[in-house]
Amino acid sequence: STCAYVMEEEEIPCITPSTDIEKEVKTVGNVPRTDIITSAETLAEAALTDEEYEKAENGAGVTVRVTVKDADNSVSDDDKELINAKLDGYKAGKYLDISMLKKIGADEIQVEKMPNGSVQLVFQVPDNLKNTDPTKVRKFKVIRVHKGTATVLDDMDDNENTVTIETDRFSTYALAYQDVERTDADNNTPDDNNNNNN
């Protein structure tokens, strides 16, 4: 194997530079713009089995594609029930069907669960889900339903306009939100505290 580690926490890439690795996002219908934060190399390591990885090391081109489809009208009642049970004060704003496909050479394989890691995805919050009340902060989270189990995926960023998650399973997702009172910590605008100095 060409996989090797160097001390000083430097890792020699396991797939040779000659291997063609690509990542792509396909969106279908009215869905938020989605990007894969994870690097193509790390994504390939996480998405491929050891056997597939060996093919990549031997020069087979690799493409990992994430497809995000609008599921507002296709999400099952069972999935909705599981999602509703996890909302905890949040509202479901958008349902998505997210899938992953990996291509190794001429082979195409659908990924239900990533064998060796996870992927970070960032969604741009759609205009219709953006907060318009200056006294409130809109918090987001994502609820994933996979094989009858609902899991809450917390937003990993502090930007109100994006939602970042880490996931390793692909199926039904709900983008959920909750509005909370804006506090000093959320902005730098002066408030009643200034009056205390008078």
Protein backbone atom coordinates (compact mmCIF):
# COMPACT_ATOMS: atom_id res chain seq x y z
CA SER A 1 0.00 0.00 0.00
CA THR A 2 1.14 3.54 -0.69
CA CYS A 3 -0.57 4.70 2.51
CA ALA A 4 2.03 6.01 4.93
CA TYR A 5 2.23 8.41 7.83
CA VAL A 6 5.05 10.78 8.60
CA MET A 7 5.64 12.01 12.14
CA GLU A 8 4.96 15.71 12.79
CA GLU A 9 1.31 14.94 11.99
CA GLU A 10 1.87 15.11 8.27
CA GLU A 11 0.04 12.51 6.23
CA ILE A 12 1.13 11.34 2.82
CA PRO A 13 -1.99 11.17 0.62
CA CYS A 14 -3.12 7.58 0.15
CA ILE A 15 -4.37 8.11 -3.39
CA THR A 16 -1.61 8.99 -5.81
CA PRO A 17 -1.79 12.46 -7.42
CA SER A 18 -2.39 10.82 -10.81
CA THR A 19 -5.77 9.54 -9.59
CA ASP A 20 -8.61 11.73 -10.81
CA ILE A 21 -10.92 12.54 -7.87
CA GLU A 22 -13.94 14.78 -8.26
CA LYS A 23 -16.82 15.85 -6.03
CA GLU A 24 -20.03 17.36 -7.30
CA VAL A 25 -23.47 18.44 -6.09
CA LYS A 26 -26.61 18.03 -8.17
CA THR A 27 -29.78 19.86 -7.14
CA VAL A 28 -33.27 18.90 -8.33
CA GLY A 29 -36.28 21.19 -7.89
CA ASN A 30 -36.69 24.02 -5.41
CA VAL A 31 -33.84 23.28 -3.00
CA PRO A 32 -31.23 25.38 -1.21
CA ARG A 33 -27.84 25.79 -2.84
CA THR A 34 -25.66 23.05 -1.35
CA ASP A 35 -21.88 22.70 -1.23
CA ILE A 36 -19.56 19.93 -0.06
CA ILE A 37 -16.99 21.41 2.34
CA THR A 38 -15.05 18.16 2.68
CA SER A 39 -12.08 17.96 0.30
CA ALA A 40 -12.39 15.56 -2.63
CA GLU A 41 -9.55 13.37 -1.29
CA THR A 42 -11.03 13.10 2.23
CA LEU A 43 -14.47 12.48 0.74
CA ALA A 44 -13.12 9.62 -1.39
CA GLU A 45 -11.42 8.07 1.65
CA ALA A 46 -14.71 8.25 3.61
CA ALA A 47 -17.04 7.08 0.82
CA LEU A 48 -15.03 4.22 -0.68
CA THR A 49 -14.62 0.72 0.70
CA ASP A 50 -11.07 -0.62 1.05
CA GLU A 51 -11.50 -2.62 -2.16
CA GLU A 52 -12.77 0.43 -4.08
CA TYR A 53 -9.93 2.48 -2.63
CA GLU A 54 -7.44 0.00 -4.02
CA LYS A 55 -8.97 0.49 -7.48
CA ALA A 56 -8.55 4.24 -7.04
CA GLU A 57 -4.93 3.78 -6.01
CA ASN A 58 -4.46 1.79 -9.21
CA GLY A 59 -5.67 4.73 -11.29
CA ALA A 60 -9.45 4.35 -11.59
CA GLY A 61 -11.09 7.79 -11.67
CA VAL A 62 -13.36 8.59 -8.72
CA THR A 63 -16.40 10.89 -8.61
CA VAL A 64 -18.56 11.33 -5.51
CA ARG A 65 -21.86 13.05 -6.24
CA VAL A 66 -24.37 14.31 -3.69
CA THR A 67 -27.89 14.86 -5.08
CA VAL A 68 -30.31 17.13 -3.21
CA LYS A 69 -33.97 16.83 -4.27
CA ASP A 70 -37.03 18.79 -3.17
CA ALA A 71 -39.09 16.39 -0.99
CA ASP A 72 -41.82 18.78 0.23
CA ASN A 73 -44.47 16.88 -1.74
CA SER A 74 -42.93 13.40 -1.58
CA VAL A 75 -41.87 12.93 2.05
CA SER A 76 -43.78 10.01 3.61
CA ASP A 77 -46.19 10.47 6.52
CA ASP A 78 -44.04 8.07 8.56
CA ASP A 79 -40.92 10.20 8.01
CA LYS A 80 -42.88 13.36 8.86
CA GLU A 81 -44.04 11.82 12.14
CA LEU A 82 -40.47 10.86 13.08
CA ILE A 83 -39.27 14.38 12.20
CA ASN A 84 -42.10 16.05 14.15
CA ALA A 85 -41.15 14.05 17.24
CA LYS A 86 -37.66 15.60 17.13
CA LEU A 87 -38.61 19.22 16.39
CA ASP A 88 -38.63 20.28 20.05
CA GLY A 89 -39.99 23.79 19.46
CA TYR A 90 -38.56 24.11 15.95
CA LYS A 91 -40.63 24.20 12.73
CA ALA A 92 -39.90 22.08 9.66
CA GLY A 93 -39.23 24.60 6.88
CA LYS A 94 -38.02 22.37 4.04
CA TYR A 95 -37.93 18.63 3.33
CA LEU A 96 -35.06 17.25 1.25
CA ASP A 97 -34.16 13.89 -0.23
CA ILE A 98 -30.35 13.66 -0.15
CA SER A 99 -28.50 10.82 -1.83
CA MET A 100 -24.87 9.97 -2.62
CA LEU A 101 -23.50 8.18 -5.66
CA LYS A 102 -19.90 7.09 -6.07
CA LYS A 103 -18.34 6.30 -9.43
CA ILE A 104 -15.13 4.28 -9.48
CA GLY A 105 -13.98 3.81 -13.04
CA ALA A 106 -17.06 2.51 -14.88
CA ASP A 107 -18.84 1.34 -11.71
CA GLU A 108 -21.64 3.40 -10.14
CA ILE A 109 -22.71 2.59 -6.57
CA GLN A 110 -25.42 4.24 -4.48
CA VAL A 111 -24.22 5.03 -0.94
CA GLU A 112 -26.72 4.55 1.89
CA LYS A 113 -24.08 4.80 4.62
CA MET A 114 -20.49 5.96 4.16
CA PRO A 115 -18.14 3.10 5.16
CA ASN A 116 -15.13 5.09 6.44
CA GLY A 117 -16.21 8.52 7.59
CA SER A 118 -18.61 11.38 6.90
CA VAL A 119 -19.15 14.44 4.74
CA GLN A 120 -19.71 18.09 5.68
CA LEU A 121 -22.45 19.83 3.71
CA VAL A 122 -23.38 23.51 3.82
CA PHE A 123 -26.85 24.71 2.77
CA GLN A 124 -27.59 28.33 1.85
CA VAL A 125 -30.75 29.30 3.74
CA PRO A 126 -33.49 29.93 1.12
CA ASP A 127 -35.02 33.43 1.05
CA ASN A 128 -38.40 32.15 2.26
CA LEU A 129 -36.75 30.75 5.43
CA LYS A 130 -34.66 33.82 6.27
CA ASN A 131 -35.49 35.77 9.39
CA THR A 132 -37.01 39.21 8.74
CA ASP A 133 -37.58 40.26 12.38
CA PRO A 134 -34.62 42.36 13.65
CA THR A 135 -35.49 41.57 17.27
CA LYS A 136 -35.11 37.81 16.69
CA VAL A 137 -32.34 35.38 15.76
CA ARG A 138 -33.28 32.38 13.65
CA LYS A 139 -31.59 29.15 14.74
CA PHE A 140 -31.47 26.15 12.41
CA LYS A 141 -30.99 22.43 12.78
CA VAL A 142 -31.40 19.48 10.44
CA ILE A 143 -33.31 16.29 11.22
CA ARG A 144 -32.34 13.19 9.26
CA VAL A 145 -34.54 10.11 8.96
CA HIS A 146 -32.68 6.96 7.96
CA LYS A 147 -34.21 3.48 8.10
CA GLY A 148 -36.87 4.51 10.61
CA THR A 149 -34.56 6.46 12.96
CA ALA A 150 -34.63 10.25 13.27
CA THR A 151 -31.41 12.02 14.25
CA VAL A 152 -30.87 15.72 15.01
CA LEU A 153 -27.85 17.23 13.22
CA ASP A 154 -26.88 20.54 14.80
CA ASP A 155 -25.89 23.53 12.68
CA MET A 156 -22.10 23.71 12.96
CA ASP A 157 -21.75 27.36 11.93
CA ASP A 158 -22.82 30.70 13.45
CA ASN A 159 -23.97 32.24 10.18
CA GLU A 160 -27.74 32.86 9.98
CA ASN A 161 -27.58 32.51 6.18
CA THR A 162 -26.06 29.02 6.10
CA VAL A 163 -26.58 25.68 7.78
CA THR A 164 -23.57 23.33 8.04
CA ILE A 165 -23.95 19.67 9.00
CA GLU A 166 -21.85 16.52 9.11
CA THR A 167 -23.53 13.30 8.00
CA ASP A 168 -22.77 9.78 6.82
CA ARG A 169 -26.25 8.47 5.87
CA PHE A 170 -28.50 9.45 2.98
CA SER A 171 -32.29 9.59 2.86
CA THR A 172 -34.88 12.13 4.12
CA TYR A 173 -33.75 15.40 5.69
CA ALA A 174 -35.72 18.32 7.15
CA LEU A 175 -34.34 21.84 7.51
CA ALA A 176 -35.93 23.15 10.73
CA TYR A 177 -35.83 26.58 12.37
CA GLN A 178 -36.72 28.42 15.56
CA ASP A 179 -36.78 32.14 16.30
CA VAL A 180 -35.35 33.32 19.62
CA GLU A 181 -35.01 36.79 21.13
CA ARG A 182 -31.89 38.58 19.91
CA THR A 183 -29.42 39.33 22.71
CA ASP A 184 -26.23 41.38 23.04
CA ALA A 185 -24.22 38.30 22.14
CA ASP A 186 -25.97 38.09 18.76
CA ASN A 187 -25.19 41.62 17.57
CA ASN A 188 -23.31 44.78 18.36
CA THR A 189 -26.18 47.24 18.23
CA PRO A 190 -26.68 49.43 21.31
CA ASP A 191 -29.59 48.51 23.55
CA ASP A 192 -31.04 49.38 26.95
CA ASN A 193 -27.71 48.83 28.67
CA ASN A 194 -26.62 52.28 27.50
CA ASN A 195 -29.44 53.87 29.47
CA ASN A 196 -28.07 52.47 32.72
CA ASN A 197 -25.20 54.94 32.49
CA ASN A 198 -27.50 57.98 32.65
